[in-house]
Amino acid sequence: MNRQIITFTMSLKQSQFEVDRLETEATKLGVPVKRALYRELSFDMKNPSPPAAAGGAPLDKGARVFVQGQEITGENTLGMWFRVAGTVSGKYTEGRNLAIRLLQNNIFCANAKGYLNWTRMGKISQHGVFIENEIPVVPTKIIYSRSQIADLRSQMESDWGFPVIAKHEKGYQGKSVKKFDSGKAMEKWVNKINEKNLGMFLWQKCLPTRWDLRVIVLDGRAIGAMKRTAVGEEFRSNFSLGGAVEKWELSESDKNLAEKVAKVCGLDYCGVDIMKDFENNSYILEVNRQCQFQGFEKSTGINVAKLVVEMFLKKA
């Protein structure tokens, strides 16, 4: 029996393009794909029993992982590919990481190191990792109370000038990104939101280039890049928000930068977003460890899905 790749999503609609593409390319290579929902995971956890005789195998191997009632083993599974598992409770991110801990010695779990180091890797924790590893980031400020707003506005006016950008640390595919053209507009918006949510936002200098780069790094190698450009009045360049996409030839320095991000974050597969200023300096905006690739394949002609399957085969 050919060993399968298991893909995990929150729903059948989530990441449908990516899972469909993976299944198509895997089928061509003779690899079956099992589509699973996180809620279909289950666990039976106990310590292994001692062997019946010295040097023998344990009578019971202990902890077991099931998907749709089938036990997942190295004999039937080539690897596991995880899409976004976020819930308010965090129960599925914990379930994902538990499956990785129990299976990683026998099965290739994509991005295992990154998931185990950061169960949820939001923009704030990313910035800490980037700065720790001397990776360039856009100048950023974070506050936690309304009493700090006046100081924040004063600092932004003196350090950067307006407009400025506010981003929720969870991202939401660019939907949470806001631009403020004045300190008055910024304060008005801040005073409307719940104070307990203030610390979830990053306040950043606005780089006015209106475009950025999405680089996909796979198995330690930057496989290509696309340029995303904001269209019309929209200042955000995300493909999902209507941004125009085109192939981009990566410089050696940006290639090395994207690969460094993937390495320090422990990621086998990820999308690294790079933005440039008018002096051509590069800044890392974020890394997405479950990045979509519909726009990337369309603009670059690179068969990302096939390369993902080949990574699983290589790691087997």
C-alpha atoms as a PDB file:
ATOM      1  CA  MET A   1       0.000   0.000   0.000  1.00  0.00           C
ATOM      2  CA  ASN A   2       1.308   3.450  -0.922  1.00  0.00           C
ATOM      3  CA  ARG A   3       1.750   5.653   2.093  1.00  0.00           C
ATOM      4  CA  GLN A   4      -0.556   8.661   2.276  1.00  0.00           C
ATOM      5  CA  ILE A   5      -0.147  12.370   2.897  1.00  0.00           C
ATOM      6  CA  ILE A   6      -2.712  13.704   5.368  1.00  0.00           C
ATOM      7  CA  THR A   7      -3.860  17.314   4.979  1.00  0.00           C
ATOM      8  CA  PHE A   8      -5.531  19.015   7.942  1.00  0.00           C
ATOM      9  CA  THR A   9      -7.986  21.895   7.632  1.00  0.00           C
ATOM     10  CA  MET A  10     -10.664  23.449   9.826  1.00  0.00           C
ATOM     11  CA  SER A  11     -13.354  22.919   7.157  1.00  0.00           C
ATOM     12  CA  LEU A  12     -13.663  21.453   3.677  1.00  0.00           C
ATOM     13  CA  LYS A  13     -13.675  24.971   2.188  1.00  0.00           C
ATOM     14  CA  GLN A  14     -10.552  26.168   3.986  1.00  0.00           C
ATOM     15  CA  SER A  15      -7.474  26.142   1.716  1.00  0.00           C
ATOM     16  CA  GLN A  16      -9.549  24.308  -0.889  1.00  0.00           C
ATOM     17  CA  PHE A  17      -7.346  25.453  -3.780  1.00  0.00           C
ATOM     18  CA  GLU A  18      -4.131  24.350  -2.065  1.00  0.00           C
ATOM     19  CA  VAL A  19      -5.492  20.952  -0.981  1.00  0.00           C
ATOM     20  CA  ASP A  20      -7.010  20.311  -4.425  1.00  0.00           C
ATOM     21  CA  ARG A  21      -3.694  21.137  -6.085  1.00  0.00           C
ATOM     22  CA  LEU A  22      -1.744  18.958  -3.660  1.00  0.00           C
ATOM     23  CA  GLU A  23      -4.085  16.043  -4.336  1.00  0.00           C
ATOM     24  CA  THR A  24      -3.791  16.513  -8.111  1.00  0.00           C
ATOM     25  CA  GLU A  25       0.010  16.520  -8.094  1.00  0.00           C
ATOM     26  CA  ALA A  26       0.266  13.730  -5.524  1.00  0.00           C
ATOM     27  CA  THR A  27      -1.986  11.514  -7.633  1.00  0.00           C
ATOM     28  CA  LYS A  28       0.324  12.009 -10.618  1.00  0.00           C
ATOM     29  CA  LEU A  29       3.196  10.776  -8.466  1.00  0.00           C
ATOM     30  CA  GLY A  30       1.242   7.806  -7.111  1.00  0.00           C
ATOM     31  CA  VAL A  31       0.778   9.236  -3.615  1.00  0.00           C
ATOM     32  CA  PRO A  32      -2.711   9.106  -2.015  1.00  0.00           C
ATOM     33  CA  VAL A  33      -3.950  12.128  -0.072  1.00  0.00           C
ATOM     34  CA  LYS A  34      -6.312  11.865   2.894  1.00  0.00           C
ATOM     35  CA  ARG A  35      -8.295  15.037   3.579  1.00  0.00           C
ATOM     36  CA  ALA A  36      -8.959  15.388   7.280  1.00  0.00           C
ATOM     37  CA  LEU A  37     -10.521  17.973   9.555  1.00  0.00           C
ATOM     38  CA  TYR A  38      -8.855  18.817  12.844  1.00  0.00           C
ATOM     39  CA  ARG A  39     -11.978  17.686  14.691  1.00  0.00           C
ATOM     40  CA  GLU A  40     -11.434  14.190  13.267  1.00  0.00           C
ATOM     41  CA  LEU A  41      -8.246  13.763  15.304  1.00  0.00           C
ATOM     42  CA  SER A  42      -8.322  11.581  18.410  1.00  0.00           C
ATOM     43  CA  PHE A  43      -5.677  10.274  20.793  1.00  0.00           C
ATOM     44  CA  ASP A  44      -5.099   7.300  23.084  1.00  0.00           C
ATOM     45  CA  MET A  45      -2.238   8.195  25.406  1.00  0.00           C
ATOM     46  CA  LYS A  46      -0.417   5.891  27.792  1.00  0.00           C
ATOM     47  CA  ASN A  47       3.131   4.904  28.526  1.00  0.00           C
ATOM     48  CA  PRO A  48       4.634   1.964  26.575  1.00  0.00           C
ATOM     49  CA  SER A  49       4.530  -1.335  28.382  1.00  0.00           C
ATOM     50  CA  PRO A  50       7.870  -3.037  29.116  1.00  0.00           C
ATOM     51  CA  PRO A  51       9.039  -5.762  26.691  1.00  0.00           C
ATOM     52  CA  ALA A  52       8.223  -9.384  27.500  1.00  0.00           C
ATOM     53  CA  ALA A  53      11.911 -10.246  27.387  1.00  0.00           C
ATOM     54  CA  ALA A  54      15.162  -8.332  27.630  1.00  0.00           C
ATOM     55  CA  GLY A  55      15.896  -6.575  24.368  1.00  0.00           C
ATOM     56  CA  GLY A  56      12.442  -7.269  22.950  1.00  0.00           C
ATOM     57  CA  ALA A  57       9.849  -4.862  21.657  1.00  0.00           C
ATOM     58  CA  PRO A  58       7.287  -3.349  24.058  1.00  0.00           C
ATOM     59  CA  LEU A  59       4.092  -5.349  24.365  1.00  0.00           C
ATOM     60  CA  ASP A  60       2.159  -2.085  23.850  1.00  0.00           C
ATOM     61  CA  LYS A  61       3.812   0.872  22.154  1.00  0.00           C
ATOM     62  CA  GLY A  62       1.751   3.333  24.184  1.00  0.00           C
ATOM     63  CA  ALA A  63       0.370   6.584  22.738  1.00  0.00           C
ATOM     64  CA  ARG A  64      -1.591   6.339  19.501  1.00  0.00           C
ATOM     65  CA  VAL A  65      -2.953   8.959  17.085  1.00  0.00           C
ATOM     66  CA  PHE A  66      -6.112   8.438  15.046  1.00  0.00           C
ATOM     67  CA  VAL A  67      -7.660  10.303  12.131  1.00  0.00           C
ATOM     68  CA  GLN A  68     -11.212   9.411  11.141  1.00  0.00           C
ATOM     69  CA  GLY A  69     -10.825   6.348  13.366  1.00  0.00           C
ATOM     70  CA  GLN A  70      -7.719   5.057  11.558  1.00  0.00           C
ATOM     71  CA  GLU A  71      -4.474   4.799  13.518  1.00  0.00           C
ATOM     72  CA  ILE A  72      -1.725   6.877  11.918  1.00  0.00           C
ATOM     73  CA  THR A  73       1.596   5.049  11.660  1.00  0.00           C
ATOM     74  CA  GLY A  74       4.789   5.203   9.664  1.00  0.00           C
ATOM     75  CA  GLU A  75       3.550   2.205   7.702  1.00  0.00           C
ATOM     76  CA  ASN A  76       0.472   3.951   6.284  1.00  0.00           C
ATOM     77  CA  THR A  77       1.455   7.628   6.334  1.00  0.00           C
ATOM     78  CA  LEU A  78       4.177   9.477   4.459  1.00  0.00           C
ATOM     79  CA  GLY A  79       3.634  12.829   6.127  1.00  0.00           C
ATOM     80  CA  MET A  80       1.227  15.431   7.457  1.00  0.00           C
ATOM     81  CA  TRP A  81       0.536  18.920   6.057  1.00  0.00           C
ATOM     82  CA  PHE A  82      -1.221  21.409   8.312  1.00  0.00           C
ATOM     83  CA  ARG A  83      -3.318  24.408   7.328  1.00  0.00           C
ATOM     84  CA  VAL A  84      -4.562  27.101   9.729  1.00  0.00           C
ATOM     85  CA  ALA A  85      -5.801  25.545  12.982  1.00  0.00           C
ATOM     86  CA  GLY A  86      -6.778  28.672  14.897  1.00  0.00           C
ATOM     87  CA  THR A  87      -9.694  28.759  17.325  1.00  0.00           C
ATOM     88  CA  VAL A  88     -10.417  31.030  20.271  1.00  0.00           C
ATOM     89  CA  SER A  89      -9.768  28.130  22.655  1.00  0.00           C
ATOM     90  CA  GLY A  90      -6.655  26.968  20.816  1.00  0.00           C
ATOM     91  CA  LYS A  91      -7.792  23.338  21.093  1.00  0.00           C
ATOM     92  CA  TYR A  92      -6.837  22.458  17.502  1.00  0.00           C
ATOM     93  CA  THR A  93      -3.408  24.074  17.626  1.00  0.00           C
ATOM     94  CA  GLU A  94      -2.776  21.993  20.744  1.00  0.00           C
ATOM     95  CA  GLY A  95      -4.114  18.903  18.962  1.00  0.00           C
ATOM     96  CA  ARG A  96      -1.870  19.567  15.953  1.00  0.00           C
ATOM     97  CA  ASN A  97       1.176  19.888  18.191  1.00  0.00           C
ATOM     98  CA  LEU A  98       0.269  16.782  20.172  1.00  0.00           C
ATOM     99  CA  ALA A  99       0.062  14.781  16.938  1.00  0.00           C
ATOM    100  CA  ILE A 100       3.449  16.158  15.894  1.00  0.00           C
ATOM    101  CA  ARG A 101       5.076  15.243  19.228  1.00  0.00           C
ATOM    102  CA  LEU A 102       3.769  11.705  19.102  1.00  0.00           C
ATOM    103  CA  LEU A 103       4.486  11.013  15.423  1.00  0.00           C
ATOM    104  CA  GLN A 104       7.469  13.102  14.347  1.00  0.00           C
ATOM    105  CA  ASN A 105      10.021  10.329  14.915  1.00  0.00           C
ATOM    106  CA  ASN A 106       8.254   8.124  12.351  1.00  0.00           C
ATOM    107  CA  ILE A 107       6.401  10.532  10.058  1.00  0.00           C
ATOM    108  CA  PHE A 108       7.462  13.772   8.371  1.00  0.00           C
ATOM    109  CA  CYS A 109       5.362  16.568   9.866  1.00  0.00           C
ATOM    110  CA  ALA A 110       5.822  19.722   7.786  1.00  0.00           C
ATOM    111  CA  ASN A 111       6.934  22.727   9.893  1.00  0.00           C
ATOM    112  CA  ALA A 112       7.173  20.558  13.019  1.00  0.00           C
ATOM    113  CA  LYS A 113       9.978  22.556  14.634  1.00  0.00           C
ATOM    114  CA  GLY A 114       8.235  25.866  14.032  1.00  0.00           C
ATOM    115  CA  TYR A 115       4.901  24.655  15.406  1.00  0.00           C
ATOM    116  CA  LEU A 116       6.438  23.139  18.514  1.00  0.00           C
ATOM    117  CA  ASN A 117       8.481  26.270  19.226  1.00  0.00           C
ATOM    118  CA  TRP A 118       5.520  28.625  18.636  1.00  0.00           C
ATOM    119  CA  THR A 119       2.048  27.096  18.948  1.00  0.00           C
ATOM    120  CA  ARG A 120       0.668  30.365  17.586  1.00  0.00           C
ATOM    121  CA  MET A 121       3.192  32.541  15.798  1.00  0.00           C
ATOM    122  CA  GLY A 122       1.584  35.969  15.526  1.00  0.00           C
ATOM    123  CA  LYS A 123       3.244  39.087  14.192  1.00  0.00           C
ATOM    124  CA  ILE A 124       4.421  40.246  17.623  1.00  0.00           C
ATOM    125  CA  SER A 125       6.320  37.057  18.452  1.00  0.00           C
ATOM    126  CA  GLN A 126       7.672  37.014  14.890  1.00  0.00           C
ATOM    127  CA  HIS A 127       9.139  40.484  15.308  1.00  0.00           C
ATOM    128  CA  GLY A 128      10.910  39.355  18.456  1.00  0.00           C
ATOM    129  CA  VAL A 129      12.435  36.401  16.589  1.00  0.00           C
ATOM    130  CA  PHE A 130      13.448  38.623  13.659  1.00  0.00           C
ATOM    131  CA  ILE A 131      15.152  41.232  15.837  1.00  0.00           C
ATOM    132  CA  GLU A 132      16.884  38.534  17.902  1.00  0.00           C
ATOM    133  CA  ASN A 133      18.332  37.125  14.667  1.00  0.00           C
ATOM    134  CA  GLU A 134      19.246  40.500  13.109  1.00  0.00           C
ATOM    135  CA  ILE A 135      16.561  40.310  10.427  1.00  0.00           C
ATOM    136  CA  PRO A 136      15.434  43.789   9.257  1.00  0.00           C
ATOM    137  CA  VAL A 137      11.894  44.833  10.201  1.00  0.00           C
ATOM    138  CA  VAL A 138       9.816  47.950   9.624  1.00  0.00           C
ATOM    139  CA  PRO A 139      10.162  50.283  12.669  1.00  0.00           C
ATOM    140  CA  THR A 140       7.389  49.234  15.059  1.00  0.00           C
ATOM    141  CA  LYS A 141       5.813  50.405  18.312  1.00  0.00           C
ATOM    142  CA  ILE A 142       3.400  48.584  20.659  1.00  0.00           C
ATOM    143  CA  ILE A 143       1.309  50.006  23.510  1.00  0.00           C
ATOM    144  CA  TYR A 144      -1.094  48.454  26.028  1.00  0.00           C
ATOM    145  CA  SER A 145      -3.189  51.272  27.520  1.00  0.00           C
ATOM    146  CA  ARG A 146      -4.995  54.461  26.491  1.00  0.00           C
ATOM    147  CA  SER A 147      -2.728  56.430  28.817  1.00  0.00           C
ATOM    148  CA  GLN A 148       0.089  55.690  26.348  1.00  0.00           C
ATOM    149  CA  ILE A 149      -1.746  57.032  23.271  1.00  0.00           C
ATOM    150  CA  ALA A 150      -0.560  60.642  23.552  1.00  0.00           C
ATOM    151  CA  ASP A 151       3.068  59.499  23.875  1.00  0.00           C
ATOM    152  CA  LEU A 152       2.624  57.102  20.963  1.00  0.00           C
ATOM    153  CA  ARG A 153       1.248  59.862  18.744  1.00  0.00           C
ATOM    154  CA  SER A 154       4.073  62.207  19.729  1.00  0.00           C
ATOM    155  CA  GLN A 155       6.705  59.547  19.025  1.00  0.00           C
ATOM    156  CA  MET A 156       5.222  58.705  15.626  1.00  0.00           C
ATOM    157  CA  GLU A 157       5.042  62.382  14.638  1.00  0.00           C
ATOM    158  CA  SER A 158       8.676  62.958  15.584  1.00  0.00           C
ATOM    159  CA  ASP A 159      10.143  59.626  14.447  1.00  0.00           C
ATOM    160  CA  TRP A 160       8.173  58.858  11.272  1.00  0.00           C
ATOM    161  CA  GLY A 161       5.506  61.394  10.437  1.00  0.00           C
ATOM    162  CA  PHE A 162       2.061  60.414   9.177  1.00  0.00           C
ATOM    163  CA  PRO A 163       0.584  58.312   7.626  1.00  0.00           C
ATOM    164  CA  VAL A 164       1.223  55.304   9.877  1.00  0.00           C
ATOM    165  CA  ILE A 165       0.063  51.702   9.708  1.00  0.00           C
ATOM    166  CA  ALA A 166      -1.703  49.632  12.377  1.00  0.00           C
ATOM    167  CA  LYS A 167      -1.771  45.822  12.063  1.00  0.00           C
ATOM    168  CA  HIS A 168      -3.500  43.259  14.231  1.00  0.00           C
ATOM    169  CA  GLU A 169      -0.947  40.705  15.326  1.00  0.00           C
ATOM    170  CA  LYS A 170      -3.014  37.832  13.887  1.00  0.00           C
ATOM    171  CA  GLY A 171      -3.071  39.329  10.416  1.00  0.00           C
ATOM    172  CA  TYR A 172      -6.332  38.019   8.909  1.00  0.00           C
ATOM    173  CA  GLN A 173      -4.927  38.113   5.328  1.00  0.00           C
ATOM    174  CA  GLY A 174      -4.472  41.877   5.446  1.00  0.00           C
ATOM    175  CA  LYS A 175      -8.071  42.640   6.454  1.00  0.00           C
ATOM    176  CA  SER A 176      -7.006  44.064   9.831  1.00  0.00           C
ATOM    177  CA  VAL A 177      -4.397  46.466   8.394  1.00  0.00           C
ATOM    178  CA  LYS A 178      -5.354  50.134   8.728  1.00  0.00           C
ATOM    179  CA  LYS A 179      -3.697  53.359   7.585  1.00  0.00           C
ATOM    180  CA  PHE A 180      -4.028  56.654   9.461  1.00  0.00           C
ATOM    181  CA  ASP A 181      -3.182  59.920   7.721  1.00  0.00           C
ATOM    182  CA  SER A 182      -3.136  61.996  10.900  1.00  0.00           C
ATOM    183  CA  GLY A 183      -2.636  61.701  14.635  1.00  0.00           C
ATOM    184  CA  LYS A 184      -6.204  62.873  15.180  1.00  0.00           C
ATOM    185  CA  ALA A 185      -7.618  60.045  13.040  1.00  0.00           C
ATOM    186  CA  MET A 186      -5.391  57.543  14.811  1.00  0.00           C
ATOM    187  CA  GLU A 187      -6.474  58.655  18.306  1.00  0.00           C
ATOM    188  CA  LYS A 188     -10.156  58.693  17.298  1.00  0.00           C
ATOM    189  CA  TRP A 189      -9.943  55.074  16.140  1.00  0.00           C
ATOM    190  CA  VAL A 190      -7.938  53.916  19.170  1.00  0.00           C
ATOM    191  CA  ASN A 191     -10.488  55.446  21.545  1.00  0.00           C
ATOM    192  CA  LYS A 192     -13.257  53.393  19.918  1.00  0.00           C
ATOM    193  CA  ILE A 193     -11.704  49.982  20.425  1.00  0.00           C
ATOM    194  CA  ASN A 194     -11.639  48.000  23.655  1.00  0.00           C
ATOM    195  CA  GLU A 195      -8.529  48.939  25.628  1.00  0.00           C
ATOM    196  CA  LYS A 196      -7.722  45.277  26.316  1.00  0.00           C
ATOM    197  CA  ASN A 197      -7.179  44.805  22.561  1.00  0.00           C
ATOM    198  CA  LEU A 198      -4.618  47.622  22.213  1.00  0.00           C
ATOM    199  CA  GLY A 199      -1.688  45.325  22.844  1.00  0.00           C
ATOM    200  CA  MET A 200      -2.734  43.148  19.899  1.00  0.00           C
ATOM    201  CA  PHE A 201      -1.739  45.852  17.403  1.00  0.00           C
ATOM    202  CA  LEU A 202       1.611  46.776  15.907  1.00  0.00           C
ATOM    203  CA  TRP A 203       2.075  50.437  14.967  1.00  0.00           C
ATOM    204  CA  GLN A 204       4.475  50.811  12.059  1.00  0.00           C
ATOM    205  CA  LYS A 205       6.125  53.374   9.861  1.00  0.00           C
ATOM    206  CA  CYS A 206       4.354  53.576   6.515  1.00  0.00           C
ATOM    207  CA  LEU A 207       6.539  52.567   3.574  1.00  0.00           C
ATOM    208  CA  PRO A 208       4.836  54.300   0.602  1.00  0.00           C
ATOM    209  CA  THR A 209       5.966  51.979  -2.188  1.00  0.00           C
ATOM    210  CA  ARG A 210       2.492  50.288  -2.435  1.00  0.00           C
ATOM    211  CA  TRP A 211       3.991  46.909  -3.319  1.00  0.00           C
ATOM    212  CA  ASP A 212       5.711  44.003  -1.629  1.00  0.00           C
ATOM    213  CA  LEU A 213       7.125  40.568  -2.419  1.00  0.00           C
ATOM    214  CA  ARG A 214       5.850  37.133  -1.468  1.00  0.00           C
ATOM    215  CA  VAL A 215       8.664  34.588  -1.465  1.00  0.00           C
ATOM    216  CA  ILE A 216       7.888  30.910  -0.960  1.00  0.00           C
ATOM    217  CA  VAL A 217      10.600  28.935   0.808  1.00  0.00           C
ATOM    218  CA  LEU A 218      10.360  25.160   0.566  1.00  0.00           C
ATOM    219  CA  ASP A 219      12.748  22.739   2.259  1.00  0.00           C
ATOM    220  CA  GLY A 220      15.225  25.535   2.949  1.00  0.00           C
ATOM    221  CA  ARG A 221      15.231  26.970  -0.595  1.00  0.00           C
ATOM    222  CA  ALA A 222      13.496  30.076  -1.944  1.00  0.00           C
ATOM    223  CA  ILE A 223      11.729  28.662  -5.012  1.00  0.00           C
ATOM    224  CA  GLY A 224      10.618  32.010  -6.431  1.00  0.00           C
ATOM    225  CA  ALA A 225       8.825  35.267  -5.765  1.00  0.00           C
ATOM    226  CA  MET A 226       5.854  37.306  -6.878  1.00  0.00           C
ATOM    227  CA  LYS A 227       5.373  41.045  -6.675  1.00  0.00           C
ATOM    228  CA  ARG A 228       2.037  42.171  -5.204  1.00  0.00           C
ATOM    229  CA  THR A 229       0.893  45.701  -6.025  1.00  0.00           C
ATOM    230  CA  ALA A 230      -2.019  47.609  -4.479  1.00  0.00           C
ATOM    231  CA  VAL A 231      -4.685  48.596  -7.004  1.00  0.00           C
ATOM    232  CA  GLY A 232      -6.693  51.839  -7.083  1.00  0.00           C
ATOM    233  CA  GLU A 233      -7.521  53.399  -3.728  1.00  0.00           C
ATOM    234  CA  GLU A 234      -6.650  50.193  -1.876  1.00  0.00           C
ATOM    235  CA  PHE A 235      -3.300  50.569  -0.089  1.00  0.00           C
ATOM    236  CA  ARG A 236      -2.987  46.861   0.792  1.00  0.00           C
ATOM    237  CA  SER A 237      -1.317  44.633  -1.783  1.00  0.00           C
ATOM    238  CA  ASN A 238      -2.706  41.214  -0.751  1.00  0.00           C
ATOM    239  CA  PHE A 239      -3.823  39.038  -3.698  1.00  0.00           C
ATOM    240  CA  SER A 240      -6.949  38.113  -1.693  1.00  0.00           C
ATOM    241  CA  LEU A 241      -7.833  41.839  -1.517  1.00  0.00           C
ATOM    242  CA  GLY A 242      -7.461  42.423  -5.251  1.00  0.00           C
ATOM    243  CA  GLY A 243      -3.742  43.160  -5.437  1.00  0.00           C
ATOM    244  CA  ALA A 244      -2.127  42.704  -8.851  1.00  0.00           C
ATOM    245  CA  VAL A 245       0.507  39.961  -8.996  1.00  0.00           C
ATOM    246  CA  GLU A 246       3.444  39.335 -11.309  1.00  0.00           C
ATOM    247  CA  LYS A 247       6.605  37.273 -11.359  1.00  0.00           C
ATOM    248  CA  TRP A 248       9.640  38.822  -9.662  1.00  0.00           C
ATOM    249  CA  GLU A 249      13.288  37.924 -10.080  1.00  0.00           C
ATOM    250  CA  LEU A 250      14.761  37.654  -6.619  1.00  0.00           C
ATOM    251  CA  SER A 251      18.084  39.274  -5.859  1.00  0.00           C
ATOM    252  CA  GLU A 252      20.623  37.043  -4.146  1.00  0.00           C
ATOM    253  CA  SER A 253      20.378  39.145  -0.976  1.00  0.00           C
ATOM    254  CA  ASP A 254      16.560  38.863  -0.791  1.00  0.00           C
ATOM    255  CA  LYS A 255      16.778  35.130  -1.531  1.00  0.00           C
ATOM    256  CA  ASN A 256      19.231  34.685   1.339  1.00  0.00           C
ATOM    257  CA  LEU A 257      17.068  36.838   3.611  1.00  0.00           C
ATOM    258  CA  ALA A 258      13.917  34.788   2.960  1.00  0.00           C
ATOM    259  CA  GLU A 259      15.797  31.522   3.504  1.00  0.00           C
ATOM    260  CA  LYS A 260      17.210  32.853   6.772  1.00  0.00           C
ATOM    261  CA  VAL A 261      13.693  33.687   7.989  1.00  0.00           C
ATOM    262  CA  ALA A 262      12.502  30.138   7.253  1.00  0.00           C
ATOM    263  CA  LYS A 263      15.534  28.662   9.005  1.00  0.00           C
ATOM    264  CA  VAL A 264      15.333  30.682  12.227  1.00  0.00           C
ATOM    265  CA  CYS A 265      11.577  30.012  12.411  1.00  0.00           C
ATOM    266  CA  GLY A 266      12.040  26.252  11.883  1.00  0.00           C
ATOM    267  CA  LEU A 267       9.824  26.082   8.784  1.00  0.00           C
ATOM    268  CA  ASP A 268       9.938  23.565   5.943  1.00  0.00           C
ATOM    269  CA  TYR A 269       7.269  25.456   3.996  1.00  0.00           C
ATOM    270  CA  CYS A 270       6.351  29.119   4.318  1.00  0.00           C
ATOM    271  CA  GLY A 271       5.669  32.416   2.597  1.00  0.00           C
ATOM    272  CA  VAL A 272       7.989  35.282   3.493  1.00  0.00           C
ATOM    273  CA  ASP A 273       6.767  38.827   2.819  1.00  0.00           C
ATOM    274  CA  ILE A 274       9.402  41.440   1.980  1.00  0.00           C
ATOM    275  CA  MET A 275       8.776  45.162   1.523  1.00  0.00           C
ATOM    276  CA  LYS A 276      11.208  47.711   0.154  1.00  0.00           C
ATOM    277  CA  ASP A 277      11.591  51.444   0.648  1.00  0.00           C
ATOM    278  CA  PHE A 278      12.550  53.938  -2.042  1.00  0.00           C
ATOM    279  CA  GLU A 279      16.244  53.307  -1.267  1.00  0.00           C
ATOM    280  CA  ASN A 280      15.729  49.592  -2.082  1.00  0.00           C
ATOM    281  CA  ASN A 281      16.290  48.489   1.510  1.00  0.00           C
ATOM    282  CA  SER A 282      14.466  45.239   2.328  1.00  0.00           C
ATOM    283  CA  TYR A 283      12.283  44.671   5.407  1.00  0.00           C
ATOM    284  CA  ILE A 284      10.548  41.494   6.520  1.00  0.00           C
ATOM    285  CA  LEU A 285       6.850  42.128   7.121  1.00  0.00           C
ATOM    286  CA  GLU A 286       5.954  38.619   8.295  1.00  0.00           C
ATOM    287  CA  VAL A 287       6.269  34.897   7.660  1.00  0.00           C
ATOM    288  CA  ASN A 288       3.183  32.800   6.948  1.00  0.00           C
ATOM    289  CA  ARG A 289       3.666  29.140   7.756  1.00  0.00           C
ATOM    290  CA  GLN A 290       0.478  28.023   5.967  1.00  0.00           C
ATOM    291  CA  CYS A 291       0.668  30.411   3.022  1.00  0.00           C
ATOM    292  CA  GLN A 292      -1.744  30.100   0.126  1.00  0.00           C
ATOM    293  CA  PHE A 293      -0.254  29.855  -3.341  1.00  0.00           C
ATOM    294  CA  GLN A 294      -2.972  30.392  -5.953  1.00  0.00           C
ATOM    295  CA  GLY A 295      -1.670  33.835  -6.923  1.00  0.00           C
ATOM    296  CA  PHE A 296       1.908  32.596  -6.695  1.00  0.00           C
ATOM    297  CA  GLU A 297       1.383  29.715  -9.133  1.00  0.00           C
ATOM    298  CA  LYS A 298      -0.608  31.985 -11.454  1.00  0.00           C
ATOM    299  CA  SER A 299       2.025  34.725 -11.603  1.00  0.00           C
ATOM    300  CA  THR A 300       5.236  32.680 -11.533  1.00  0.00           C
ATOM    301  CA  GLY A 301       4.309  29.473 -13.339  1.00  0.00           C
ATOM    302  CA  ILE A 302       5.996  27.528 -10.526  1.00  0.00           C
ATOM    303  CA  ASN A 303       4.254  24.276  -9.592  1.00  0.00           C
ATOM    304  CA  VAL A 304       4.254  24.734  -5.824  1.00  0.00           C
ATOM    305  CA  ALA A 305       1.990  21.747  -5.149  1.00  0.00           C
ATOM    306  CA  LYS A 306       4.299  19.344  -6.974  1.00  0.00           C
ATOM    307  CA  LEU A 307       7.306  20.663  -5.071  1.00  0.00           C
ATOM    308  CA  VAL A 308       5.457  20.152  -1.769  1.00  0.00           C
ATOM    309  CA  VAL A 309       4.715  16.519  -2.673  1.00  0.00           C
ATOM    310  CA  GLU A 310       8.330  15.994  -3.737  1.00  0.00           C
ATOM    311  CA  MET A 311       9.440  17.375  -0.348  1.00  0.00           C
ATOM    312  CA  PHE A 312       7.321  14.739   1.405  1.00  0.00           C
ATOM    313  CA  LEU A 313       8.791  12.000  -0.776  1.00  0.00           C
ATOM    314  CA  LYS A 314      12.324  13.239  -0.098  1.00  0.00           C
ATOM    315  CA  LYS A 315      11.767  13.329   3.664  1.00  0.00           C
ATOM    316  CA  ALA A 316      10.233   9.851   3.805  1.00  0.00           C
END
